Amino acid sequence: MSEMVTLWLVVLIVSIGVEVATLGLTSIWFAGGAVVAVIAAALQAPIWLQILLFFAVSLLLLFFTRPVAVRYFNKDRVRTNVESMIGRQAIVTSEIDNLQGIGQVTVGGQEWSARTEKDGLNLQPGTVVDIMAVSGVKLIVKVDPQMTKVTGEVPESQN
């Protein structure tokens, strides 16, 4: 067995070992490149071609299969803590005014400081809003166009 076949087999084993140890889709792409390089070395390809094939195959695998693999492995991931707030609805408990830097909402029984997505929009207590993002300890919200105030009236900001 040639020296280069042995070298590429070592690269393959190390790549797989790192992947098994981390389980983070970090080096499996290089294992694919190493397999192709092993085959090229066994066929007596020049070293420059083996290296080129290793990097080319590794990068192709990384760019074309990683997004699919990440989506597949993260499909059962449960969002936790602050991340779980995005997309939920909240009720304004004190007026939200970005210019004055005031405003609070209630989400799931918890009070949060809140600001609107757009400056110049004041939201009154009772307005139902959608949480769009989290910035520091503040929720960034926008009026839910399908909802009215908790009292049943259309919020003033929607008129």
Protein backbone atom coordinates (compact mmCIF):
# COMPACT_ATOMS: atom_id res chain seq x y z
CA MET A 1 0.00 0.00 0.00
CA SER A 2 1.43 3.36 -0.95
CA GLU A 3 2.26 6.07 1.56
CA MET A 4 -0.43 8.39 0.19
CA VAL A 5 -3.16 5.77 0.55
CA THR A 6 -2.10 5.37 4.17
CA LEU A 7 -2.09 9.15 4.70
CA TRP A 8 -5.58 9.56 3.25
CA LEU A 9 -6.86 6.63 5.34
CA VAL A 10 -5.51 8.38 8.45
CA VAL A 11 -7.27 11.61 7.38
CA LEU A 12 -10.47 9.59 6.88
CA ILE A 13 -10.27 7.95 10.30
CA VAL A 14 -9.44 11.22 12.07
CA SER A 15 -12.34 12.99 10.32
CA ILE A 16 -14.76 10.27 11.34
CA GLY A 17 -13.33 10.23 14.87
CA VAL A 18 -13.79 13.99 15.26
CA GLU A 19 -17.34 13.71 13.94
CA VAL A 20 -18.22 10.91 16.35
CA ALA A 21 -16.70 12.85 19.25
CA THR A 22 -18.50 16.13 18.50
CA LEU A 23 -21.75 15.01 16.83
CA GLY A 24 -21.96 18.48 15.37
CA LEU A 25 -21.61 17.91 11.63
CA THR A 26 -18.12 19.40 11.76
CA SER A 27 -15.83 17.07 9.85
CA ILE A 28 -17.91 14.46 8.05
CA TRP A 29 -17.48 16.44 4.82
CA PHE A 30 -13.72 15.89 4.99
CA ALA A 31 -14.26 12.15 5.39
CA GLY A 32 -16.03 12.15 2.02
CA GLY A 33 -13.12 14.05 0.48
CA ALA A 34 -10.67 11.61 2.04
CA VAL A 35 -12.51 8.63 0.52
CA VAL A 36 -12.13 10.13 -2.95
CA ALA A 37 -8.47 10.93 -2.25
CA VAL A 38 -7.87 7.31 -1.12
CA ILE A 39 -9.30 6.06 -4.40
CA ALA A 40 -7.18 8.55 -6.37
CA ALA A 41 -4.05 7.50 -4.45
CA ALA A 42 -4.80 3.82 -5.08
CA LEU A 43 -5.04 4.60 -8.80
CA GLN A 44 -1.58 6.28 -8.62
CA ALA A 45 -2.92 9.80 -9.31
CA PRO A 46 -0.42 12.63 -8.74
CA ILE A 47 -0.35 14.14 -5.24
CA TRP A 48 -1.58 17.53 -6.48
CA LEU A 49 -4.66 15.84 -7.98
CA GLN A 50 -5.32 13.91 -4.76
CA ILE A 51 -5.20 17.14 -2.75
CA LEU A 52 -7.37 18.94 -5.31
CA LEU A 53 -9.94 16.13 -5.25
CA PHE A 54 -9.91 16.07 -1.43
CA PHE A 55 -10.70 19.78 -1.15
CA ALA A 56 -13.12 19.87 -4.08
CA VAL A 57 -15.21 16.94 -2.85
CA SER A 58 -15.11 18.17 0.75
CA LEU A 59 -16.32 21.65 -0.26
CA LEU A 60 -19.00 20.28 -2.59
CA LEU A 61 -20.32 18.02 0.16
CA LEU A 62 -20.22 20.89 2.63
CA PHE A 63 -22.15 23.31 0.42
CA PHE A 64 -24.70 20.90 -1.02
CA THR A 65 -25.43 18.45 1.77
CA ARG A 66 -24.90 20.44 4.97
CA PRO A 67 -28.12 22.52 4.72
CA VAL A 68 -30.15 19.33 4.21
CA ALA A 69 -28.35 17.51 7.01
CA VAL A 70 -28.73 20.41 9.45
CA ARG A 71 -32.44 20.65 8.67
CA TYR A 72 -32.83 16.88 9.14
CA PHE A 73 -30.92 16.74 12.42
CA ASN A 74 -32.55 19.89 13.86
CA LYS A 75 -36.14 19.09 12.93
CA ASP A 76 -37.00 17.87 16.44
CA ARG A 77 -35.15 20.71 18.15
CA VAL A 78 -37.37 22.46 20.67
CA ARG A 79 -36.94 26.20 20.95
CA THR A 80 -36.36 27.22 24.53
CA ASN A 81 -36.27 30.32 26.70
CA VAL A 82 -36.31 33.63 24.84
CA GLU A 83 -36.10 31.92 21.45
CA SER A 84 -39.56 30.44 22.07
CA MET A 85 -41.12 33.91 22.36
CA ILE A 86 -40.75 34.74 18.67
CA GLY A 87 -44.01 34.21 16.82
CA ARG A 88 -46.19 34.25 19.95
CA GLN A 89 -48.85 36.80 20.73
CA ALA A 90 -48.73 39.22 23.64
CA ILE A 91 -51.02 41.82 25.17
CA VAL A 92 -49.81 45.37 25.73
CA THR A 93 -50.09 46.18 29.46
CA SER A 94 -48.63 49.69 29.39
CA GLU A 95 -48.34 52.06 26.44
CA ILE A 96 -45.50 51.27 24.05
CA ASP A 97 -43.71 54.37 22.78
CA ASN A 98 -40.26 53.91 21.22
CA LEU A 99 -39.42 57.63 21.42
CA GLN A 100 -40.00 57.71 25.18
CA GLY A 101 -38.50 54.24 25.63
CA ILE A 102 -41.51 52.87 27.49
CA GLY A 103 -43.85 49.92 27.10
CA GLN A 104 -44.64 46.51 28.47
CA VAL A 105 -46.45 43.40 27.32
CA THR A 106 -47.61 40.21 28.97
CA VAL A 107 -46.76 36.83 27.44
CA GLY A 108 -47.72 33.61 29.15
CA GLY A 109 -48.18 35.38 32.48
CA GLN A 110 -44.77 37.09 32.30
CA GLU A 111 -44.20 40.84 31.90
CA TRP A 112 -41.64 41.98 29.35
CA SER A 113 -40.38 45.37 28.21
CA ALA A 114 -41.42 45.91 24.62
CA ARG A 115 -40.80 48.20 21.66
CA THR A 116 -42.52 48.37 18.30
CA GLU A 117 -40.87 47.37 15.04
CA LYS A 118 -41.42 50.85 13.63
CA ASP A 119 -40.73 54.11 15.42
CA GLY A 120 -43.58 56.59 15.77
CA LEU A 121 -46.20 53.91 16.43
CA ASN A 122 -47.76 54.09 19.90
CA LEU A 123 -49.66 51.06 21.13
CA GLN A 124 -52.22 51.34 23.88
CA PRO A 125 -52.88 48.83 26.69
CA GLY A 126 -55.04 45.93 25.57
CA THR A 127 -53.63 45.80 22.04
CA VAL A 128 -52.79 42.29 20.85
CA VAL A 129 -49.35 42.15 19.23
CA ASP A 130 -47.12 39.57 17.56
CA ILE A 131 -43.58 39.12 18.86
CA MET A 132 -41.18 39.52 15.94
CA ALA A 133 -37.78 39.44 17.67
CA VAL A 134 -35.94 39.79 20.94
CA SER A 135 -33.39 42.56 21.41
CA GLY A 136 -31.54 42.26 24.68
CA VAL A 137 -34.28 42.08 27.30
CA LYS A 138 -36.93 43.74 25.13
CA LEU A 139 -39.46 42.13 22.85
CA ILE A 140 -39.85 43.72 19.42
CA VAL A 141 -43.54 43.62 18.51
CA LYS A 142 -45.97 44.62 15.81
CA VAL A 143 -49.72 44.91 15.85
CA ASP A 144 -51.49 41.73 14.85
CA PRO A 145 -53.72 42.93 11.98
CA GLN A 146 -56.18 40.10 12.59
CA MET A 147 -56.70 40.85 16.27
CA THR A 148 -58.46 43.62 18.09
CA LYS A 149 -58.02 44.89 21.58
CA VAL A 150 -58.82 42.45 24.34
CA THR A 151 -61.89 44.63 24.98
CA GLY A 152 -63.08 43.96 21.40
CA GLU A 153 -62.31 47.40 19.99
CA VAL A 154 -59.95 48.11 17.12
CA PRO A 155 -56.67 49.54 18.51
CA GLU A 156 -56.15 53.27 17.90
CA SER A 157 -52.92 52.60 16.04
CA GLN A 158 -54.80 50.68 13.34
CA ASN A 159 -57.24 53.49 12.47
